[in-house]
């Protein structure tokens, strides 16, 4: 049993997969369950919501309150209109009228969601509890859920089970479960990493569905790049961070309309900035594997489809995403992709590793080189903290994605020049990342209580 590429890459809204997408899904799940329960639905009058740990500490900056309210009304992160959704939440705050699952008006307002930033539930830093109440305020149903990164939601009862088992209930052979097994499968069967992942995906989908799904993900990534490079203005949240991608795109397009290889790193950085500005604005992006790291894989895939000559861009995109999915599943199953659990090494670091591996294969790398590229990329992200200023996914998150995209390309090139002999294996670096995250002080794990989140002072630039 294992995680699918389409578990790791899902379409949602910003600014955070674990703090926006996940809570929206959890709230919608609870609302449906409450109505479907014959002992609860007929007596249901109101609901209460409690957020714990990192979800509470950054609830305002990460849009968690809005996400919970939208989810309680039945919204889905893949289809909800983020602008209309947030306008609806603002009206609920002012006037009330939240419609639970779209059918029962309850009194809860966003400001009524109870925050417990200093209380971390033992199972995970991103905990939330939903309570259904009757007319006397008596509890009818209580559910604790955990947003464990990348939009994944686990019930309290599932927290003791392996994530791969929960994610793929009823699936068959996983094909591989570790990096070493992945290499052995590729060698024994004479296949690439993307083909090994394809064999896993066939447990759930036909080849046609896999291809169509991958191209749909790539289309959504391209659309987020396009929106980001055409939207001016200031990002919400109070830091007054200006969107730079659109003006950068205008000037770079004028200088280099042919997208010359000599300027490729600038174009890649621009693509990453565009996606993460769109994410920070609460727009639609692809979790890749999280929203905080959403710009890295689209930017490197843009590089692959733009600068690798003599290939079908669609074929490159499908193989790229399957390879990235193979590597990402190892991080998700054996460590974490949650900034609240292991710091930004689990978000930007994992995405950088996935992108490096995928680019290496797209450029003709053998499986041992692909594994090496993934390892190199993570090795140089170990210890990366998650310290968003103001609890917003803006500083340093947006630029960090651009830097990691370039790092992924460099890692792929290192691996392609190598023989496959290296001291540290991918499995070892994944375990090291897990241990580093475990040892990391909680202040540096998406709580906005340490690092740049508390030391950064806005810099004023004098007029020239």
Protein backbone atom coordinates (compact mmCIF):
# COMPACT_ATOMS: atom_id res chain seq x y z
CA UNK A 1 0.00 0.00 0.00
CA UNK A 2 1.39 3.42 -0.93
CA UNK A 3 0.69 7.02 -1.75
CA UNK A 4 -0.30 8.05 -5.27
CA UNK A 5 1.08 10.88 -7.36
CA UNK A 6 -2.43 12.31 -7.27
CA UNK A 7 -2.40 12.36 -3.47
CA UNK A 8 0.70 14.55 -3.58
CA UNK A 9 -0.45 16.83 -6.42
CA UNK A 10 -3.92 18.24 -5.86
CA UNK A 11 -5.51 21.52 -6.89
CA UNK A 12 -6.46 23.85 -4.06
CA UNK A 13 -6.29 27.44 -2.88
CA UNK A 14 -3.61 29.29 -0.97
CA UNK A 15 -1.90 30.18 1.13
CA UNK A 16 -1.22 26.83 2.84
CA UNK A 17 -2.05 23.21 2.07
CA UNK A 18 -1.82 22.18 5.72
CA UNK A 19 -3.45 25.31 7.17
CA UNK A 20 -5.98 26.17 4.43
CA UNK A 21 -6.67 23.18 2.17
CA UNK A 22 -6.54 20.56 4.92
CA UNK A 23 -8.84 22.38 7.39
CA UNK A 24 -11.34 23.07 4.60
CA UNK A 25 -11.47 19.38 3.75
CA UNK A 26 -11.73 18.40 7.41
CA UNK A 27 -14.58 20.84 8.07
CA UNK A 28 -16.51 19.65 5.02
CA UNK A 29 -16.01 16.02 6.04
CA UNK A 30 -17.31 16.72 9.55
CA UNK A 31 -20.37 18.60 8.28
CA UNK A 32 -21.32 15.74 5.95
CA UNK A 33 -20.75 13.14 8.64
CA UNK A 34 -22.89 15.02 11.14
CA UNK A 35 -25.88 15.08 8.81
CA UNK A 36 -25.40 11.48 7.68
CA UNK A 37 -25.37 10.20 11.27
CA UNK A 38 -29.01 9.32 12.12
CA UNK A 39 -28.36 9.92 15.81
CA UNK A 40 -26.97 13.39 15.17
CA UNK A 41 -28.55 14.93 12.06
CA UNK A 42 -32.17 15.33 13.32
CA UNK A 43 -31.01 16.94 16.58
CA UNK A 44 -28.21 19.08 15.18
CA UNK A 45 -28.55 22.79 15.96
CA UNK A 46 -25.05 24.25 16.14
CA UNK A 47 -21.33 23.47 15.92
CA UNK A 48 -18.14 24.47 17.73
CA UNK A 49 -14.59 24.38 16.38
CA UNK A 50 -11.26 24.38 18.24
CA UNK A 51 -7.85 24.79 16.53
CA UNK A 52 -4.62 23.75 18.25
CA UNK A 53 -0.89 24.34 17.95
CA UNK A 54 0.39 25.59 14.64
CA UNK A 55 -3.11 25.83 13.14
CA UNK A 56 -4.06 28.26 15.89
CA UNK A 57 -0.75 30.15 16.00
CA UNK A 58 -0.91 31.11 12.33
CA UNK A 59 -4.68 30.91 11.79
CA UNK A 60 -5.09 34.50 10.65
CA UNK A 61 -2.04 34.68 8.40
CA UNK A 62 -2.75 31.31 6.78
CA UNK A 63 -6.46 31.89 6.22
CA UNK A 64 -7.42 28.94 8.41
CA UNK A 65 -10.56 30.54 9.85
CA UNK A 66 -11.88 31.32 6.38
CA UNK A 67 -11.04 27.81 5.23
CA UNK A 68 -12.91 26.18 8.12
CA UNK A 69 -16.01 28.28 7.54
CA UNK A 70 -16.00 27.57 3.79
CA UNK A 71 -15.52 23.89 4.49
CA UNK A 72 -18.39 23.79 7.00
CA UNK A 73 -20.60 25.18 4.26
CA UNK A 74 -19.49 22.33 1.98
CA UNK A 75 -16.85 24.04 -0.15
CA UNK A 76 -14.14 21.95 -1.82
CA UNK A 77 -10.64 23.47 -2.21
CA UNK A 78 -10.37 22.28 -5.81
CA UNK A 79 -13.53 24.00 -7.01
CA UNK A 80 -14.25 26.83 -4.58
CA UNK A 81 -13.90 30.37 -5.95
CA UNK A 82 -11.44 31.91 -3.47
CA UNK A 83 -12.69 35.47 -3.96
CA UNK A 84 -16.38 34.64 -3.65
CA UNK A 85 -15.63 32.26 -0.78
CA UNK A 86 -13.82 34.87 1.28
CA UNK A 87 -16.50 37.46 0.57
CA UNK A 88 -19.04 34.96 1.86
CA UNK A 89 -16.99 34.42 5.04
CA UNK A 90 -16.82 38.19 5.62
CA UNK A 91 -20.63 38.42 5.39
CA UNK A 92 -20.99 35.53 7.85
CA UNK A 93 -18.73 37.34 10.30
CA UNK A 94 -20.80 40.51 10.01
CA UNK A 95 -24.30 39.08 9.69
CA UNK A 96 -24.17 35.41 10.69
CA UNK A 97 -25.98 32.77 8.68
CA UNK A 98 -23.38 30.01 8.20
CA UNK A 99 -25.12 27.16 6.37
CA UNK A 100 -23.73 23.88 7.64
CA UNK A 101 -23.21 21.61 4.63
CA UNK A 102 -25.27 24.17 2.73
CA UNK A 103 -28.51 23.23 4.46
CA UNK A 104 -28.72 24.22 8.16
CA UNK A 105 -28.11 27.70 9.52
CA UNK A 106 -25.94 27.71 12.66
CA UNK A 107 -24.66 30.53 14.85
CA UNK A 108 -20.91 29.94 14.46
CA UNK A 109 -18.92 32.83 13.02
CA UNK A 110 -15.20 32.91 12.13
CA UNK A 111 -14.41 34.87 15.29
CA UNK A 112 -16.17 32.16 17.31
CA UNK A 113 -13.61 29.52 16.35
CA UNK A 114 -11.54 28.89 19.49
CA UNK A 115 -7.76 29.11 19.12
CA UNK A 116 -5.31 27.23 21.35
CA UNK A 117 -1.86 28.27 20.00
CA UNK A 118 0.03 27.01 23.05
CA UNK A 119 -1.74 23.67 23.22
CA UNK A 120 -0.31 21.02 20.92
CA UNK A 121 -2.26 17.80 20.71
CA UNK A 122 0.05 14.79 21.18
CA UNK A 123 -0.63 13.29 17.76
CA UNK A 124 0.41 16.27 15.56
CA UNK A 125 0.95 20.07 15.74
CA UNK A 126 -1.93 20.70 13.31
CA UNK A 127 -4.89 19.50 15.36
CA UNK A 128 -8.54 20.56 15.18
CA UNK A 129 -11.70 19.44 16.94
CA UNK A 130 -15.23 19.77 15.58
CA UNK A 131 -18.26 19.41 17.89
CA UNK A 132 -21.92 19.05 16.94
CA UNK A 133 -24.37 20.49 19.48
CA UNK A 134 -28.09 20.09 20.16
CA UNK A 135 -30.60 22.79 21.17
CA UNK A 136 -29.45 22.63 24.81
CA UNK A 137 -25.78 22.98 23.87
CA UNK A 138 -25.13 19.34 24.63
CA UNK A 139 -22.50 17.50 22.63
CA UNK A 140 -23.83 15.13 19.97
CA UNK A 141 -20.65 14.34 18.08
CA UNK A 142 -16.96 15.19 18.52
CA UNK A 143 -14.26 14.60 15.93
CA UNK A 144 -10.56 15.42 16.21
CA UNK A 145 -8.67 15.57 12.93
CA UNK A 146 -5.12 16.39 11.94
CA UNK A 147 -3.80 18.21 8.89
CA UNK A 148 -0.53 16.36 8.33
CA UNK A 149 0.80 18.26 5.30
CA UNK A 150 -0.03 18.62 1.64
CA UNK A 151 -3.76 18.77 2.37
CA UNK A 152 -3.81 15.26 3.87
CA UNK A 153 -6.33 14.84 6.70
CA UNK A 154 -6.21 12.02 9.22
CA UNK A 155 -8.80 11.11 11.82
CA UNK A 156 -7.64 10.65 15.39
CA UNK A 157 -8.03 6.86 15.09
CA UNK A 158 -5.80 6.79 12.01
CA UNK A 159 -2.85 8.63 13.56
CA UNK A 160 -1.33 5.39 14.84
CA UNK A 161 -1.47 3.73 11.39
CA UNK A 162 1.10 4.19 8.61
CA UNK A 163 0.05 7.07 6.38
CA UNK A 164 0.50 5.00 3.21
CA UNK A 165 -1.98 2.46 4.55
CA UNK A 166 -4.58 5.14 5.24
CA UNK A 167 -4.03 6.89 1.90
CA UNK A 168 -4.45 3.78 -0.22
CA UNK A 169 -7.01 1.67 1.60
CA UNK A 170 -7.63 -1.49 -0.43
CA UNK A 171 -4.74 -1.07 -2.87
CA UNK A 172 -2.45 -3.91 -3.83
CA UNK A 173 1.32 -4.14 -4.39
CA UNK A 174 3.16 -0.90 -3.60
CA UNK A 175 5.96 -1.82 -6.09
CA UNK A 176 8.52 -0.10 -3.80
CA UNK A 177 8.55 1.33 -0.29
CA UNK A 178 12.05 2.81 0.04
CA UNK A 179 14.64 4.45 -2.17
CA UNK A 180 16.76 1.31 -2.18
CA UNK A 181 13.77 -0.79 -3.20
CA UNK A 182 12.96 1.70 -5.94
CA UNK A 183 16.46 1.28 -7.38
CA UNK A 184 16.21 -2.51 -7.19
CA UNK A 185 12.84 -2.53 -8.93
CA UNK A 186 14.20 -0.33 -11.70
CA UNK A 187 17.28 -2.52 -12.13
CA UNK A 188 15.46 -5.85 -11.95
CA UNK A 189 12.72 -4.82 -14.39
CA UNK A 190 14.86 -2.61 -16.61
CA UNK A 191 12.59 0.38 -16.14
CA UNK A 192 12.88 4.05 -15.19
CA UNK A 193 11.71 5.67 -11.97
CA UNK A 194 8.67 7.13 -13.73
CA UNK A 195 7.77 3.68 -15.06
CA UNK A 196 8.05 2.21 -11.55
CA UNK A 197 5.64 4.86 -10.33
CA UNK A 198 3.38 4.18 -13.29
CA UNK A 199 3.16 0.54 -12.21
CA UNK A 200 2.06 1.70 -8.75
CA UNK A 201 -0.52 4.10 -10.22
CA UNK A 202 -2.09 1.28 -12.25
CA UNK A 203 -3.56 -0.03 -8.98
CA UNK A 204 -6.01 2.85 -9.05
CA UNK A 205 -6.24 4.16 -12.64
CA UNK A 206 -5.84 3.18 -16.28
CA UNK A 207 -2.87 4.48 -18.27
CA UNK A 208 -5.19 6.92 -20.03
CA UNK A 209 -6.50 8.25 -16.73
CA UNK A 210 -2.97 8.59 -15.34
CA UNK A 211 -1.82 10.55 -18.37
CA UNK A 212 -4.91 12.76 -18.37
CA UNK A 213 -4.57 13.38 -14.64
CA UNK A 214 -0.91 14.35 -14.92
CA UNK A 215 -1.62 16.73 -17.80
CA UNK A 216 -4.50 18.27 -15.84
CA UNK A 217 -2.08 18.93 -12.97
CA UNK A 218 0.47 20.44 -15.34
CA UNK A 219 -2.23 22.63 -16.90
CA UNK A 220 -3.24 23.91 -13.46
CA UNK A 221 0.42 24.65 -12.70
CA UNK A 222 0.82 26.59 -15.95
CA UNK A 223 -2.34 28.55 -15.22
CA UNK A 224 -1.00 29.58 -11.81
CA UNK A 225 2.23 30.75 -13.49
CA UNK A 226 0.21 32.73 -16.02
CA UNK A 227 -1.98 34.37 -13.38
CA UNK A 228 1.04 35.20 -11.29
CA UNK A 229 2.89 36.81 -14.19
CA UNK A 230 -0.08 38.96 -15.15
CA UNK A 231 -1.26 40.25 -11.78
CA UNK A 232 0.10 43.41 -10.19
CA UNK A 233 -0.64 44.78 -6.75
CA UNK A 234 0.12 44.12 -3.09
CA UNK A 235 -0.29 40.83 -1.28
CA UNK A 236 -2.88 40.72 1.53
CA UNK A 237 -2.05 40.38 5.20
CA UNK A 238 -0.53 43.69 6.27
CA UNK A 239 3.13 43.30 5.31
CA UNK A 240 2.55 45.35 2.15
CA UNK A 241 4.62 42.95 0.07
CA UNK A 242 4.43 43.96 -3.58
CA UNK A 243 3.80 41.36 -6.25
CA UNK A 244 6.93 41.36 -8.43
CA UNK A 245 6.32 38.58 -10.95
CA UNK A 246 4.20 40.62 -13.37
CA UNK A 247 6.64 43.53 -13.71
CA UNK A 248 9.57 41.09 -13.83
CA UNK A 249 7.80 39.18 -16.60
CA UNK A 250 7.26 42.37 -18.59
CA UNK A 251 10.89 43.44 -18.39
CA UNK A 252 12.33 39.97 -18.96
CA UNK A 253 10.03 39.36 -21.94
CA UNK A 254 11.23 42.61 -23.50
CA UNK A 255 14.87 41.66 -22.95
CA UNK A 256 14.55 38.00 -23.97
CA UNK A 257 11.42 37.25 -26.03
CA UNK A 258 12.92 33.95 -27.24
CA UNK A 259 13.63 32.66 -23.71
CA UNK A 260 17.29 32.02 -24.44
CA UNK A 261 19.04 29.29 -22.43
CA UNK A 262 21.50 31.83 -21.03
CA UNK A 263 18.58 33.41 -19.15
CA UNK A 264 16.95 30.15 -18.13
CA UNK A 265 17.55 30.57 -14.39
CA UNK A 266 15.84 33.97 -14.47
CA UNK A 267 12.80 32.47 -16.20
CA UNK A 268 12.74 29.61 -13.70
CA UNK A 269 12.96 31.98 -10.75
CA UNK A 270 10.19 34.07 -12.26
CA UNK A 271 7.92 31.03 -12.62
CA UNK A 272 8.45 30.10 -8.99
CA UNK A 273 7.79 33.66 -7.81
CA UNK A 274 4.62 33.81 -9.90
CA UNK A 275 3.15 30.65 -8.39
CA UNK A 276 4.00 31.56 -4.83
CA UNK A 277 2.68 35.08 -5.14
CA UNK A 278 -0.55 33.58 -6.44
CA UNK A 279 -0.54 31.21 -3.47
CA UNK A 280 0.16 34.01 -0.99
CA UNK A 281 -2.79 35.92 -2.45
CA UNK A 282 -5.05 32.95 -1.75
CA UNK A 283 -5.35 31.99 -5.41
CA UNK A 284 -5.59 28.56 -6.97
CA UNK A 285 -2.38 26.52 -7.09
CA UNK A 286 -1.30 22.89 -7.05
CA UNK A 287 0.00 21.44 -3.80
CA UNK A 288 3.43 20.27 -4.89
CA UNK A 289 3.63 18.62 -2.43
CA UNK A 290 2.48 21.57 -0.26
CA UNK A 291 1.27 25.09 -0.94
CA UNK A 292 4.21 26.65 0.83
CA UNK A 293 6.47 24.93 -1.70
CA UNK A 294 4.04 25.14 -4.61
CA UNK A 295 6.33 27.08 -6.97
CA UNK A 296 9.35 24.76 -7.14
CA UNK A 297 8.07 21.81 -9.19
CA UNK A 298 6.08 23.99 -11.67
CA UNK A 299 9.16 26.17 -12.19
CA UNK A 300 11.49 23.22 -12.80
CA UNK A 301 8.92 21.52 -15.03
CA UNK A 302 8.70 24.79 -16.96
CA UNK A 303 12.47 24.54 -17.38
CA UNK A 304 12.19 20.96 -18.62
CA UNK A 305 9.46 21.64 -21.16
CA UNK A 306 11.10 24.86 -22.38
CA UNK A 307 14.79 24.03 -22.55
CA UNK A 308 15.08 20.28 -23.22
CA UNK A 309 15.20 19.99 -26.99
CA UNK A 310 13.67 17.36 -29.23
CA UNK A 311 11.05 16.05 -26.81
CA UNK A 312 7.26 16.07 -26.57
CA UNK A 313 6.41 18.53 -23.75
CA UNK A 314 3.38 16.49 -22.70
CA UNK A 315 5.44 13.31 -22.43
CA UNK A 316 8.06 15.18 -20.41
CA UNK A 317 5.35 16.51 -18.08
CA UNK A 318 3.84 13.08 -17.44
CA UNK A 319 7.20 11.42 -16.75
CA UNK A 320 8.32 14.38 -14.66
CA UNK A 321 5.28 14.29 -12.38
CA UNK A 322 5.41 10.51 -11.99
CA UNK A 323 9.09 10.67 -11.02
CA UNK A 324 8.44 13.52 -8.60
CA UNK A 325 5.54 11.52 -7.16
CA UNK A 326 7.77 8.50 -6.59
CA UNK A 327 10.28 10.55 -4.61
CA UNK A 328 7.63 12.58 -2.80
CA UNK A 329 5.86 9.44 -1.62
CA UNK A 330 9.05 8.36 0.17
CA UNK A 331 9.20 11.63 2.09
CA UNK A 332 5.52 11.46 2.95
CA UNK A 333 5.66 7.83 4.07
CA UNK A 334 8.96 7.87 5.98
CA UNK A 335 9.34 11.45 7.23
CA UNK A 336 6.99 14.41 6.70
CA UNK A 337 6.14 17.21 4.30
CA UNK A 338 4.58 19.33 7.05
CA UNK A 339 6.33 22.55 8.06
CA UNK A 340 4.57 22.36 11.40
CA UNK A 341 6.13 18.97 12.02
CA UNK A 342 9.66 19.16 10.59
CA UNK A 343 10.18 22.75 9.45
CA UNK A 344 10.56 24.02 5.91
CA UNK A 345 13.02 21.23 5.07
CA UNK A 346 9.88 19.08 4.82
CA UNK A 347 8.16 21.49 2.42
CA UNK A 348 10.71 23.34 0.29
CA UNK A 349 13.32 20.62 0.88
CA UNK A 350 11.03 17.80 -0.25
CA UNK A 351 9.81 19.75 -3.27
CA UNK A 352 13.40 20.59 -4.25
CA UNK A 353 14.35 16.91 -3.98
CA UNK A 354 11.32 15.81 -6.02
CA UNK A 355 12.02 18.40 -8.71
CA UNK A 356 15.71 17.51 -8.94
CA UNK A 357 14.93 13.82 -9.40
CA UNK A 358 12.23 14.51 -11.98
CA UNK A 359 14.44 16.84 -14.00
CA UNK A 360 17.29 14.35 -13.88
CA UNK A 361 15.08 11.68 -15.46
CA UNK A 362 13.65 14.13 -18.00
CA UNK A 363 17.24 14.94 -19.05
CA UNK A 364 18.06 11.27 -19.59
CA UNK A 365 19.30 10.30 -16.15
CA UNK A 366 19.43 6.66 -15.11
CA UNK A 367 17.60 5.54 -11.95
CA UNK A 368 20.78 5.69 -9.84
CA UNK A 369 21.35 9.26 -11.03
CA UNK A 370 17.74 10.19 -10.30
CA UNK A 371 18.11 8.85 -6.75
CA UNK A 372 21.38 10.77 -6.40
CA UNK A 373 19.76 14.02 -7.61
CA UNK A 374 17.00 13.67 -5.03
CA UNK A 375 19.54 13.05 -2.28
CA UNK A 376 21.78 15.98 -3.26
CA UNK A 377 18.86 18.39 -3.24
CA UNK A 378 17.64 17.39 0.22
CA UNK A 379 21.13 17.20 1.67
CA UNK A 380 21.44 20.94 1.09
CA UNK A 381 18.05 21.76 2.60
CA UNK A 382 18.56 19.91 5.89
CA UNK A 383 17.72 22.04 8.90
CA UNK A 384 15.67 24.59 6.96
CA UNK A 385 13.28 26.26 9.39
CA UNK A 386 9.70 27.42 8.82
CA UNK A 387 9.55 30.99 10.14
CA UNK A 388 6.97 32.97 8.12
CA UNK A 389 6.96 36.65 9.01
CA UNK A 390 3.57 37.67 10.34
CA UNK A 391 2.38 34.08 9.96
CA UNK A 392 1.98 34.79 6.23
CA UNK A 393 3.29 32.57 3.44
CA UNK A 394 5.21 35.48 1.93
CA UNK A 395 8.54 36.28 3.60
CA UNK A 396 10.79 34.32 3.21
CA UNK A 397 8.59 31.73 1.52
CA UNK A 398 8.17 33.25 -1.95
CA UNK A 399 11.86 33.87 -2.64
CA UNK A 400 12.76 30.58 -0.96
CA UNK A 401 10.83 28.73 -3.67
CA UNK A 402 12.77 30.51 -6.42
CA UNK A 403 16.08 29.70 -4.76
CA UNK A 404 15.10 26.04 -4.34
CA UNK A 405 14.03 25.73 -7.97
CA UNK A 406 17.49 26.78 -9.11
CA UNK A 407 19.03 24.47 -6.51
CA UNK A 408 17.00 21.56 -7.93
CA UNK A 409 18.35 22.18 -11.42
CA UNK A 410 21.88 22.31 -10.05
CA UNK A 411 21.37 19.05 -8.14
CA UNK A 412 20.11 17.32 -11.29
CA UNK A 413 23.16 18.48 -13.21
CA UNK A 414 25.49 17.30 -10.46
CA UNK A 415 23.89 13.86 -10.58
CA UNK A 416 24.00 13.66 -14.37
CA UNK A 417 27.75 14.29 -14.25
CA UNK A 418 28.21 11.59 -11.62
CA UNK A 419 28.70 7.85 -11.70
CA UNK A 420 26.06 7.12 -9.09
CA UNK A 421 28.63 6.57 -6.35
CA UNK A 422 27.80 8.73 -3.35
CA UNK A 423 28.28 8.55 0.39
CA UNK A 424 24.73 9.36 1.50
CA UNK A 425 21.73 7.45 0.13
CA UNK A 426 18.29 8.96 -0.43
CA UNK A 427 16.87 6.76 2.35
CA UNK A 428 19.54 8.04 4.73
CA UNK A 429 18.90 11.68 3.95
CA UNK A 430 15.13 11.20 4.37
CA UNK A 431 15.68 9.65 7.78
CA UNK A 432 18.11 12.44 8.66
CA UNK A 433 15.51 15.01 7.71
CA UNK A 434 12.96 13.27 9.93
CA UNK A 435 15.35 13.21 12.89
CA UNK A 436 16.37 16.83 12.32
CA UNK A 437 12.72 17.85 12.33
CA UNK A 438 12.10 15.90 15.51
CA UNK A 439 15.00 17.70 17.22
CA UNK A 440 14.12 21.16 15.88
CA UNK A 441 12.80 23.65 18.40
CA UNK A 442 9.04 24.17 18.04
CA UNK A 443 9.55 27.92 17.53
CA UNK A 444 10.98 27.17 14.09
CA UNK A 445 8.17 24.93 12.87
CA UNK A 446 5.43 27.13 11.37
CA UNK A 447 4.40 28.76 14.62
CA UNK A 448 5.55 32.31 13.71
CA UNK A 449 7.26 32.32 17.13
CA UNK A 450 10.92 32.16 16.08
CA UNK A 451 13.45 33.02 13.38
CA UNK A 452 12.57 35.76 10.92
CA UNK A 453 8.99 35.71 12.21
CA UNK A 454 10.15 37.53 15.36
CA UNK A 455 13.41 39.20 14.33
CA UNK A 456 12.43 40.71 10.97
CA UNK A 457 11.90 44.46 10.96
CA UNK A 458 10.39 46.14 7.87
CA UNK A 459 13.08 47.95 5.93
CA UNK A 460 12.31 51.43 4.66
CA UNK A 461 14.04 52.46 1.45
CA UNK A 462 14.86 56.18 1.15
CA UNK A 463 13.79 58.05 -1.96
CA UNK A 464 16.59 58.46 -4.47
